PDB file of N, CA and C in Angstrom:
ATOM      1  N   UNK A   1      61.379  32.587  39.364  1.00  0.00           N
ATOM      2  CA  UNK A   1      60.333  32.876  40.043  1.00  0.00           C
ATOM      3  C   UNK A   1      60.605  32.371  42.009  1.00  0.00           C
ATOM      4  N   UNK A   2      60.026  33.281  42.344  1.00  0.00           N
ATOM      5  CA  UNK A   2      59.831  32.874  44.499  1.00  0.00           C
ATOM      6  C   UNK A   2      58.372  32.927  44.177  1.00  0.00           C
ATOM      7  N   UNK A   3      58.434  32.558  45.473  1.00  0.00           N
ATOM      8  CA  UNK A   3      56.846  32.361  46.666  1.00  0.00           C
ATOM      9  C   UNK A   3      57.337  32.415  47.692  1.00  0.00           C
ATOM     10  N   UNK A   4      56.970  33.927  49.028  1.00  0.00           N
ATOM     11  CA  UNK A   4      57.458  34.043  49.727  1.00  0.00           C
ATOM     12  C   UNK A   4      56.596  33.717  50.705  1.00  0.00           C
ATOM     13  N   UNK A   5      56.669  32.548  51.758  1.00  0.00           N
ATOM     14  CA  UNK A   5      56.022  32.980  52.882  1.00  0.00           C
ATOM     15  C   UNK A   5      56.168  33.462  54.148  1.00  0.00           C
ATOM     16  N   UNK A   6      56.120  34.475  54.049  1.00  0.00           N
ATOM     17  CA  UNK A   6      56.971  35.775  55.403  1.00  0.00           C
ATOM     18  C   UNK A   6      56.667  34.442  56.721  1.00  0.00           C
ATOM     19  N   UNK A   7      56.007  34.514  57.354  1.00  0.00           N
ATOM     20  CA  UNK A   7      55.813  33.654  58.575  1.00  0.00           C
ATOM     21  C   UNK A   7      56.366  32.984  58.798  1.00  0.00           C
ATOM     22  N   UNK A   8      57.265  32.462  57.628  1.00  0.00           N
ATOM     23  CA  UNK A   8      58.000  30.926  58.016  1.00  0.00           C
ATOM     24  C   UNK A   8      59.749  31.763  57.747  1.00  0.00           C
ATOM     25  N   UNK A   9      60.037  32.270  57.618  1.00  0.00           N
ATOM     26  CA  UNK A   9      60.776  33.568  57.494  1.00  0.00           C
ATOM     27  C   UNK A   9      61.338  33.053  59.044  1.00  0.00           C
ATOM     28  N   UNK A  10      61.966  32.580  60.037  1.00  0.00           N
ATOM     29  CA  UNK A  10      62.691  32.464  61.544  1.00  0.00           C
ATOM     30  C   UNK A  10      64.436  32.525  61.262  1.00  0.00           C
ATOM     31  N   UNK A  11      64.866  34.079  61.725  1.00  0.00           N
ATOM     32  CA  UNK A  11      66.283  34.338  61.349  1.00  0.00           C
ATOM     33  C   UNK A  11      67.051  34.023  62.292  1.00  0.00           C
ATOM     34  N   UNK A  12      68.096  33.361  62.632  1.00  0.00           N
ATOM     35  CA  UNK A  12      68.525  33.318  64.684  1.00  0.00           C
ATOM     36  C   UNK A  12      69.090  35.093  64.947  1.00  0.00           C
ATOM     37  N   UNK A  13      69.223  35.700  64.241  1.00  0.00           N
ATOM     38  CA  UNK A  13      69.127  36.935  64.915  1.00  0.00           C
ATOM     39  C   UNK A  13      68.438  38.349  64.450  1.00  0.00           C
ATOM     40  N   UNK A  14      67.720  39.222  65.208  1.00  0.00           N
ATOM     41  CA  UNK A  14      67.568  40.888  64.591  1.00  0.00           C
ATOM     42  C   UNK A  14      68.449  40.766  64.086  1.00  0.00           C
ATOM     43  N   UNK A  15      67.322  41.512  62.471  1.00  0.00           N
ATOM     44  CA  UNK A  15      67.507  41.708  61.552  1.00  0.00           C
ATOM     45  C   UNK A  15      68.241  41.239  60.475  1.00  0.00           C
ATOM     46  N   UNK A  16      68.508  40.317  60.797  1.00  0.00           N
ATOM     47  CA  UNK A  16      68.517  39.280  59.512  1.00  0.00           C
ATOM     48  C   UNK A  16      67.991  39.586  58.352  1.00  0.00           C
ATOM     49  N   UNK A  17      68.321  39.261  57.286  1.00  0.00           N
ATOM     50  CA  UNK A  17      67.895  39.378  55.651  1.00  0.00           C
ATOM     51  C   UNK A  17      67.464  38.682  54.374  1.00  0.00           C
ATOM     52  N   UNK A  18      66.362  37.448  54.492  1.00  0.00           N
ATOM     53  CA  UNK A  18      66.441  37.388  52.990  1.00  0.00           C
ATOM     54  C   UNK A  18      66.287  38.211  52.131  1.00  0.00           C
ATOM     55  N   UNK A  19      67.388  38.224  51.085  1.00  0.00           N
ATOM     56  CA  UNK A  19      67.056  38.311  50.324  1.00  0.00           C
ATOM     57  C   UNK A  19      65.991  38.204  49.103  1.00  0.00           C
ATOM     58  N   UNK A  20      64.805  38.972  48.417  1.00  0.00           N
ATOM     59  CA  UNK A  20      64.030  38.418  47.601  1.00  0.00           C
ATOM     60  C   UNK A  20      64.592  38.559  46.666  1.00  0.00           C
ATOM     61  N   UNK A  21      65.107  39.844  46.214  1.00  0.00           N
ATOM     62  CA  UNK A  21      64.770  41.094  44.875  1.00  0.00           C
ATOM     63  C   UNK A  21      66.098  41.549  44.107  1.00  0.00           C
ATOM     64  N   UNK A  22      66.797  41.662  43.764  1.00  0.00           N
ATOM     65  CA  UNK A  22      67.579  42.838  43.032  1.00  0.00           C
ATOM     66  C   UNK A  22      67.069  44.170  41.688  1.00  0.00           C
ATOM     67  N   UNK A  23      66.095  44.558  41.759  1.00  0.00           N
ATOM     68  CA  UNK A  23      66.104  44.897  40.373  1.00  0.00           C
ATOM     69  C   UNK A  23      66.542  46.519  39.812  1.00  0.00           C
ATOM     70  N   UNK A  24      67.505  46.043  39.067  1.00  0.00           N
ATOM     71  CA  UNK A  24      69.340  47.478  39.296  1.00  0.00           C
ATOM     72  C   UNK A  24      69.141  48.125  39.757  1.00  0.00           C
ATOM     73  N   UNK A  25      69.719  47.760  40.997  1.00  0.00           N
ATOM     74  CA  UNK A  25      70.478  48.057  42.326  1.00  0.00           C
ATOM     75  C   UNK A  25      69.394  48.416  43.665  1.00  0.00           C
ATOM     76  N   UNK A  26      67.953  48.223  43.188  1.00  0.00           N
ATOM     77  CA  UNK A  26      67.372  48.678  43.720  1.00  0.00           C
ATOM     78  C   UNK A  26      66.554  47.009  44.646  1.00  0.00           C
ATOM     79  N   UNK A  27      67.314  46.909  46.353  1.00  0.00           N
ATOM     80  CA  UNK A  27      67.129  45.480  46.642  1.00  0.00           C
ATOM     81  C   UNK A  27      65.647  45.640  47.222  1.00  0.00           C
ATOM     82  N   UNK A  28      64.830  43.769  47.913  1.00  0.00           N
ATOM     83  CA  UNK A  28      63.810  43.894  48.436  1.00  0.00           C
ATOM     84  C   UNK A  28      64.164  43.270  48.999  1.00  0.00           C
ATOM     85  N   UNK A  29      64.269  43.204  50.800  1.00  0.00           N
ATOM     86  CA  UNK A  29      64.788  42.207  51.628  1.00  0.00           C
ATOM     87  C   UNK A  29      63.717  42.135  52.130  1.00  0.00           C
ATOM     88  N   UNK A  30      63.372  41.040  53.373  1.00  0.00           N
ATOM     89  CA  UNK A  30      62.810  40.831  54.057  1.00  0.00           C
ATOM     90  C   UNK A  30      63.767  40.396  55.850  1.00  0.00           C
ATOM     91  N   UNK A  31      62.830  41.084  56.270  1.00  0.00           N
ATOM     92  CA  UNK A  31      63.956  41.285  57.951  1.00  0.00           C
ATOM     93  C   UNK A  31      62.700  40.899  58.678  1.00  0.00           C
ATOM     94  N   UNK A  32      63.440  39.617  60.100  1.00  0.00           N
ATOM     95  CA  UNK A  32      62.497  39.491  61.070  1.00  0.00           C
ATOM     96  C   UNK A  32      63.417  40.205  61.898  1.00  0.00           C
ATOM     97  N   UNK A  33      62.853  40.745  63.509  1.00  0.00           N
ATOM     98  CA  UNK A  33      63.727  41.894  64.287  1.00  0.00           C
ATOM     99  C   UNK A  33      62.372  41.688  65.767  1.00  0.00           C
ATOM    100  N   UNK A  34      63.496  41.876  66.243  1.00  0.00           N
ATOM    101  CA  UNK A  34      62.522  41.698  67.920  1.00  0.00           C
ATOM    102  C   UNK A  34      63.337  42.585  68.605  1.00  0.00           C
ATOM    103  N   UNK A  35      64.303  43.200  68.180  1.00  0.00           N
ATOM    104  CA  UNK A  35      65.399  44.961  68.579  1.00  0.00           C
ATOM    105  C   UNK A  35      65.678  45.790  67.630  1.00  0.00           C
ATOM    106  N   UNK A  36      66.042  46.657  68.315  1.00  0.00           N
ATOM    107  CA  UNK A  36      65.722  47.660  67.363  1.00  0.00           C
ATOM    108  C   UNK A  36      66.813  48.094  66.583  1.00  0.00           C
ATOM    109  N   UNK A  37      66.900  48.693  65.404  1.00  0.00           N
ATOM    110  CA  UNK A  37      67.733  49.104  65.108  1.00  0.00           C
ATOM    111  C   UNK A  37      69.084  49.904  65.171  1.00  0.00           C
ATOM    112  N   UNK A  38      69.140  50.630  64.193  1.00  0.00           N
ATOM    113  CA  UNK A  38      70.197  52.288  64.728  1.00  0.00           C
ATOM    114  C   UNK A  38      69.574  52.953  63.777  1.00  0.00           C
ATOM    115  N   UNK A  39      70.177  54.641  64.502  1.00  0.00           N
ATOM    116  CA  UNK A  39      69.599  55.581  63.446  1.00  0.00           C
ATOM    117  C   UNK A  39      70.279  55.464  62.575  1.00  0.00           C
ATOM    118  N   UNK A  40      69.805  55.692  61.267  1.00  0.00           N
ATOM    119  CA  UNK A  40      70.688  55.809  60.170  1.00  0.00           C
ATOM    120  C   UNK A  40      70.087  56.208  59.441  1.00  0.00           C
ATOM    121  N   UNK A  41      70.507  56.780  58.258  1.00  0.00           N
ATOM    122  CA  UNK A  41      70.248  57.590  57.742  1.00  0.00           C
ATOM    123  C   UNK A  41      70.804  57.441  55.336  1.00  0.00           C
ATOM    124  N   UNK A  42      69.578  56.168  54.650  1.00  0.00           N
ATOM    125  CA  UNK A  42      70.182  56.133  53.698  1.00  0.00           C
ATOM    126  C   UNK A  42      70.809  57.141  52.826  1.00  0.00           C
ATOM    127  N   UNK A  43      70.950  56.199  51.565  1.00  0.00           N
ATOM    128  CA  UNK A  43      71.879  56.529  50.635  1.00  0.00           C
ATOM    129  C   UNK A  43      71.200  57.783  49.704  1.00  0.00           C
ATOM    130  N   UNK A  44      69.837  56.599  49.411  1.00  0.00           N
ATOM    131  CA  UNK A  44      68.938  57.165  49.231  1.00  0.00           C
ATOM    132  C   UNK A  44      67.231  56.632  49.483  1.00  0.00           C
ATOM    133  N   UNK A  45      66.362  56.553  49.116  1.00  0.00           N
ATOM    134  CA  UNK A  45      64.739  56.170  49.700  1.00  0.00           C
ATOM    135  C   UNK A  45      64.864  55.550  49.477  1.00  0.00           C
ATOM    136  N   UNK A  46      63.799  54.538  51.117  1.00  0.00           N
ATOM    137  CA  UNK A  46      63.246  53.468  51.232  1.00  0.00           C
ATOM    138  C   UNK A  46      62.168  53.513  51.520  1.00  0.00           C
ATOM    139  N   UNK A  47      61.764  52.323  51.041  1.00  0.00           N
ATOM    140  CA  UNK A  47      60.283  52.080  51.429  1.00  0.00           C
ATOM    141  C   UNK A  47      60.404  51.229  52.243  1.00  0.00           C
ATOM    142  N   UNK A  48      59.814  51.075  53.605  1.00  0.00           N
ATOM    143  CA  UNK A  48      60.044  50.069  54.971  1.00  0.00           C
ATOM    144  C   UNK A  48      58.381  49.645  55.367  1.00  0.00           C
ATOM    145  N   UNK A  49      57.496  48.071  54.890  1.00  0.00           N
ATOM    146  CA  UNK A  49      56.117  47.923  55.436  1.00  0.00           C
ATOM    147  C   UNK A  49      56.511  46.943  56.286  1.00  0.00           C
ATOM    148  N   UNK A  50      55.183  46.970  57.015  1.00  0.00           N
ATOM    149  CA  UNK A  50      55.228  46.120  58.385  1.00  0.00           C
ATOM    150  C   UNK A  50      54.443  45.002  57.768  1.00  0.00           C
ATOM    151  N   UNK A  51      54.841  44.172  57.962  1.00  0.00           N
ATOM    152  CA  UNK A  51      54.142  42.903  57.440  1.00  0.00           C
ATOM    153  C   UNK A  51      53.407  41.728  58.787  1.00  0.00           C
ATOM    154  N   UNK A  52      54.047  42.062  59.664  1.00  0.00           N
ATOM    155  CA  UNK A  52      53.500  41.509  60.539  1.00  0.00           C
ATOM    156  C   UNK A  52      53.889  41.315  62.180  1.00  0.00           C
ATOM    157  N   UNK A  53      53.504  42.338  63.299  1.00  0.00           N
ATOM    158  CA  UNK A  53      54.217  42.755  64.461  1.00  0.00           C
ATOM    159  C   UNK A  53      53.872  44.480  64.667  1.00  0.00           C
ATOM    160  N   UNK A  54      54.197  44.940  65.402  1.00  0.00           N
ATOM    161  CA  UNK A  54      53.771  46.488  65.794  1.00  0.00           C
ATOM    162  C   UNK A  54      54.900  47.066  65.566  1.00  0.00           C
ATOM    163  N   UNK A  55      55.722  47.852  64.927  1.00  0.00           N
ATOM    164  CA  UNK A  55      57.131  48.470  64.667  1.00  0.00           C
ATOM    165  C   UNK A  55      57.008  50.599  65.054  1.00  0.00           C
ATOM    166  N   UNK A  56      57.518  50.733  66.259  1.00  0.00           N
ATOM    167  CA  UNK A  56      57.647  52.519  66.137  1.00  0.00           C
ATOM    168  C   UNK A  56      59.024  52.589  65.050  1.00  0.00           C
ATOM    169  N   UNK A  57      58.623  53.391  64.502  1.00  0.00           N
ATOM    170  CA  UNK A  57      59.527  54.526  64.344  1.00  0.00           C
ATOM    171  C   UNK A  57      59.390  55.799  64.237  1.00  0.00           C
ATOM    172  N   UNK A  58      61.075  56.028  64.739  1.00  0.00           N
ATOM    173  CA  UNK A  58      61.629  57.018  65.134  1.00  0.00           C
ATOM    174  C   UNK A  58      62.350  57.842  64.098  1.00  0.00           C
ATOM    175  N   UNK A  59      62.419  59.544  63.802  1.00  0.00           N
ATOM    176  CA  UNK A  59      62.282  59.664  62.637  1.00  0.00           C
ATOM    177  C   UNK A  59      62.879  61.466  62.838  1.00  0.00           C
ATOM    178  N   UNK A  60      63.931  61.588  62.645  1.00  0.00           N
ATOM    179  CA  UNK A  60      63.870  63.573  63.079  1.00  0.00           C
ATOM    180  C   UNK A  60      63.366  64.491  61.734  1.00  0.00           C
ATOM    181  N   UNK A  61      62.271  65.490  62.097  1.00  0.00           N
ATOM    182  CA  UNK A  61      62.701  66.389  61.270  1.00  0.00           C
ATOM    183  C   UNK A  61      62.229  67.331  61.416  1.00  0.00           C
ATOM    184  N   UNK A  62      63.911  68.657  60.548  1.00  0.00           N
ATOM    185  CA  UNK A  62      63.693  70.328  61.535  1.00  0.00           C
ATOM    186  C   UNK A  62      64.455  69.377  62.560  1.00  0.00           C
ATOM    187  N   UNK A  63      65.448  68.742  62.807  1.00  0.00           N
ATOM    188  CA  UNK A  63      66.098  68.554  63.554  1.00  0.00           C
ATOM    189  C   UNK A  63      65.369  67.943  64.940  1.00  0.00           C
ATOM    190  N   UNK A  64      63.865  68.198  64.660  1.00  0.00           N
ATOM    191  CA  UNK A  64      63.149  67.475  66.318  1.00  0.00           C
ATOM    192  C   UNK A  64      62.854  65.810  65.918  1.00  0.00           C
ATOM    193  N   UNK A  65      62.627  65.121  66.937  1.00  0.00           N
ATOM    194  CA  UNK A  65      62.523  63.555  66.581  1.00  0.00           C
ATOM    195  C   UNK A  65      60.892  63.543  66.872  1.00  0.00           C
ATOM    196  N   UNK A  66      60.749  62.894  66.352  1.00  0.00           N
ATOM    197  CA  UNK A  66      59.372  62.193  66.307  1.00  0.00           C
ATOM    198  C   UNK A  66      59.089  60.796  66.339  1.00  0.00           C
ATOM    199  N   UNK A  67      57.816  60.362  66.488  1.00  0.00           N
ATOM    200  CA  UNK A  67      57.572  58.767  66.774  1.00  0.00           C
ATOM    201  C   UNK A  67      56.706  58.319  65.656  1.00  0.00           C
ATOM    202  N   UNK A  68      56.334  57.664  65.463  1.00  0.00           N
ATOM    203  CA  UNK A  68      54.396  56.803  64.690  1.00  0.00           C
ATOM    204  C   UNK A  68      55.194  54.999  64.947  1.00  0.00           C
ATOM    205  N   UNK A  69      53.835  55.342  65.311  1.00  0.00           N
ATOM    206  CA  UNK A  69      53.683  53.235  65.743  1.00  0.00           C
ATOM    207  C   UNK A  69      52.891  52.957  63.885  1.00  0.00           C
ATOM    208  N   UNK A  70      53.528  52.089  63.876  1.00  0.00           N
ATOM    209  CA  UNK A  70      52.945  50.934  62.533  1.00  0.00           C
ATOM    210  C   UNK A  70      52.624  49.703  62.675  1.00  0.00           C
ATOM    211  N   UNK A  71      51.368  49.980  61.978  1.00  0.00           N
ATOM    212  CA  UNK A  71      50.781  48.342  62.163  1.00  0.00           C
ATOM    213  C   UNK A  71      51.038  47.740  61.204  1.00  0.00           C
ATOM    214  N   UNK A  72      51.320  45.938  60.715  1.00  0.00           N
ATOM    215  CA  UNK A  72      50.455  45.512  59.746  1.00  0.00           C
ATOM    216  C   UNK A  72      49.637  46.372  58.326  1.00  0.00           C
ATOM    217  N   UNK A  73      51.012  46.497  57.872  1.00  0.00           N
ATOM    218  CA  UNK A  73      50.454  46.826  55.900  1.00  0.00           C
ATOM    219  C   UNK A  73      50.534  48.262  55.996  1.00  0.00           C
ATOM    220  N   UNK A  74      51.114  49.146  57.532  1.00  0.00           N
ATOM    221  CA  UNK A  74      51.375  50.445  57.009  1.00  0.00           C
ATOM    222  C   UNK A  74      53.000  50.466  56.262  1.00  0.00           C
ATOM    223  N   UNK A  75      53.228  51.506  55.964  1.00  0.00           N
ATOM    224  CA  UNK A  75      54.477  51.634  55.379  1.00  0.00           C
ATOM    225  C   UNK A  75      54.129  53.220  55.376  1.00  0.00           C
ATOM    226  N   UNK A  76      56.212  52.888  55.801  1.00  0.00           N
ATOM    227  CA  UNK A  76      57.023  53.978  55.930  1.00  0.00           C
ATOM    228  C   UNK A  76      57.716  54.716  55.260  1.00  0.00           C
ATOM    229  N   UNK A  77      58.233  55.996  54.550  1.00  0.00           N
ATOM    230  CA  UNK A  77      58.617  56.243  53.715  1.00  0.00           C
ATOM    231  C   UNK A  77      59.922  57.185  54.068  1.00  0.00           C
ATOM    232  N   UNK A  78      60.857  56.951  54.040  1.00  0.00           N
ATOM    233  CA  UNK A  78      62.034  57.418  54.265  1.00  0.00           C
ATOM    234  C   UNK A  78      62.862  57.970  52.622  1.00  0.00           C
ATOM    235  N   UNK A  79      62.322  60.121  52.432  1.00  0.00           N
ATOM    236  CA  UNK A  79      63.160  60.205  51.882  1.00  0.00           C
ATOM    237  C   UNK A  79      64.660  60.008  52.110  1.00  0.00           C
ATOM    238  N   UNK A  80      64.981  60.337  50.744  1.00  0.00           N
ATOM    239  CA  UNK A  80      66.543  60.884  51.171  1.00  0.00           C
ATOM    240  C   UNK A  80      67.620  61.553  52.066  1.00  0.00           C
ATOM    241  N   UNK A  81      68.376  61.344  53.022  1.00  0.00           N
ATOM    242  CA  UNK A  81      68.387  61.987  54.319  1.00  0.00           C
ATOM    243  C   UNK A  81      67.663  61.833  55.408  1.00  0.00           C
ATOM    244  N   UNK A  82      66.892  61.523  55.552  1.00  0.00           N
ATOM    245  CA  UNK A  82      65.845  61.383  56.535  1.00  0.00           C
ATOM    246  C   UNK A  82      66.527  60.436  57.239  1.00  0.00           C
ATOM    247  N   UNK A  83      66.793  61.110  58.685  1.00  0.00           N
ATOM    248  CA  UNK A  83      67.162  60.124  59.652  1.00  0.00           C
ATOM    249  C   UNK A  83      66.720  59.328  60.346  1.00  0.00           C
ATOM    250  N   UNK A  84      66.231  58.277  60.680  1.00  0.00           N
ATOM    251  CA  UNK A  84      65.292  57.402  61.136  1.00  0.00           C
ATOM    252  C   UNK A  84      65.840  55.887  62.013  1.00  0.00           C
ATOM    253  N   UNK A  85      65.260  54.827  62.664  1.00  0.00           N
ATOM    254  CA  UNK A  85      65.284  54.359  63.694  1.00  0.00           C
ATOM    255  C   UNK A  85      63.955  53.252  63.981  1.00  0.00           C
ATOM    256  N   UNK A  86      64.140  51.718  63.323  1.00  0.00           N
ATOM    257  CA  UNK A  86      62.910  51.401  63.966  1.00  0.00           C
ATOM    258  C   UNK A  86      63.184  50.543  65.167  1.00  0.00           C
ATOM    259  N   UNK A  87      61.737  50.655  66.096  1.00  0.00           N
ATOM    260  CA  UNK A  87      62.071  49.830  67.588  1.00  0.00           C
ATOM    261  C   UNK A  87      60.892  48.754  67.634  1.00  0.00           C
ATOM    262  N   UNK A  88      60.886  47.230  67.008  1.00  0.00           N
ATOM    263  CA  UNK A  88      60.004  46.619  67.473  1.00  0.00           C
ATOM    264  C   UNK A  88      59.823  46.998  68.733  1.00  0.00           C
ATOM    265  N   UNK A  89      58.006  46.857  68.638  1.00  0.00           N
ATOM    266  CA  UNK A  89      56.901  46.512  69.987  1.00  0.00           C
ATOM    267  C   UNK A  89      56.775  45.397  70.635  1.00  0.00           C
ATOM    268  N   UNK A  90      57.611  44.227  69.278  1.00  0.00           N
ATOM    269  CA  UNK A  90      56.976  42.446  69.863  1.00  0.00           C
ATOM    270  C   UNK A  90      57.998  42.827  68.232  1.00  0.00           C
ATOM    271  N   UNK A  91      58.231  40.737  68.100  1.00  0.00           N
ATOM    272  CA  UNK A  91      59.062  40.563  66.843  1.00  0.00           C
ATOM    273  C   UNK A  91      58.362  40.658  65.896  1.00  0.00           C
ATOM    274  N   UNK A  92      58.806  41.462  64.804  1.00  0.00           N
ATOM    275  CA  UNK A  92      58.451  41.929  64.032  1.00  0.00           C
ATOM    276  C   UNK A  92      58.990  41.743  62.264  1.00  0.00           C
ATOM    277  N   UNK A  93      57.364  41.780  61.436  1.00  0.00           N
ATOM    278  CA  UNK A  93      58.775  40.980  59.940  1.00  0.00           C
ATOM    279  C   UNK A  93      58.260  42.280  59.017  1.00  0.00           C
ATOM    280  N   UNK A  94      59.428  42.495  58.884  1.00  0.00           N
ATOM    281  CA  UNK A  94      59.078  44.159  58.230  1.00  0.00           C
ATOM    282  C   UNK A  94      59.722  43.455  56.506  1.00  0.00           C
ATOM    283  N   UNK A  95      59.756  44.642  55.744  1.00  0.00           N
ATOM    284  CA  UNK A  95      59.529  44.498  53.886  1.00  0.00           C
ATOM    285  C   UNK A  95      60.426  45.991  53.563  1.00  0.00           C
ATOM    286  N   UNK A  96      61.486  46.185  53.465  1.00  0.00           N
ATOM    287  CA  UNK A  96      62.203  46.924  53.250  1.00  0.00           C
ATOM    288  C   UNK A  96      62.742  46.782  51.617  1.00  0.00           C
ATOM    289  N   UNK A  97      62.758  48.112  50.722  1.00  0.00           N
ATOM    290  CA  UNK A  97      62.534  48.219  49.532  1.00  0.00           C
ATOM    291  C   UNK A  97      63.918  50.047  49.634  1.00  0.00           C
ATOM    292  N   UNK A  98      64.915  49.209  49.080  1.00  0.00           N
ATOM    293  CA  UNK A  98      65.925  50.458  49.173  1.00  0.00           C
ATOM    294  C   UNK A  98      67.199  50.297  47.728  1.00  0.00           C
ATOM    295  N   UNK A  99      68.188  51.124  47.834  1.00  0.00           N
ATOM    296  CA  UNK A  99      69.059  51.021  47.111  1.00  0.00           C
ATOM    297  C   UNK A  99      70.348  50.516  47.754  1.00  0.00           C
ATOM    298  N   UNK A 100      70.590  49.221  46.509  1.00  0.00           N
ATOM    299  CA  UNK A 100      71.320  47.909  47.595  1.00  0.00           C
ATOM    300  C   UNK A 100      72.736  48.968  47.490  1.00  0.00           C
ATOM    301  N   UNK A 101      73.393  47.818  49.030  1.00  0.00           N
ATOM    302  CA  UNK A 101      74.471  48.507  50.075  1.00  0.00           C
ATOM    303  C   UNK A 101      73.984  49.839  50.672  1.00  0.00           C
ATOM    304  N   UNK A 102      72.346  50.386  51.083  1.00  0.00           N
ATOM    305  CA  UNK A 102      72.156  50.678  51.991  1.00  0.00           C
ATOM    306  C   UNK A 102      72.485  50.465  53.325  1.00  0.00           C
ATOM    307  N   UNK A 103      72.559  51.190  54.601  1.00  0.00           N
ATOM    308  CA  UNK A 103      72.798  50.823  55.925  1.00  0.00           C
ATOM    309  C   UNK A 103      71.439  50.630  56.291  1.00  0.00           C
TER     310      UNK A 103
END
């Protein structure tokens, strides 16, 4: 059993993660960031939940770049093959659920 107080998680660098669970190859990790990630495509599906802060999620749909602002409680679901990148608008914490070993 674990109790995670997400607001207490303050790592040393952007995108550092706190591993919460690994359930049959699906990982749940808490990330803190104040810097953009990198454009990437996951090996499988990804659930991206904003816990606090504000994140601009950029993604490509039919080779066209789009973006949406995500606020606390918002969820971005990337299907397999969705190219995307997260750009925090302020220091943010996000919960990411994805296949183990994804970028």
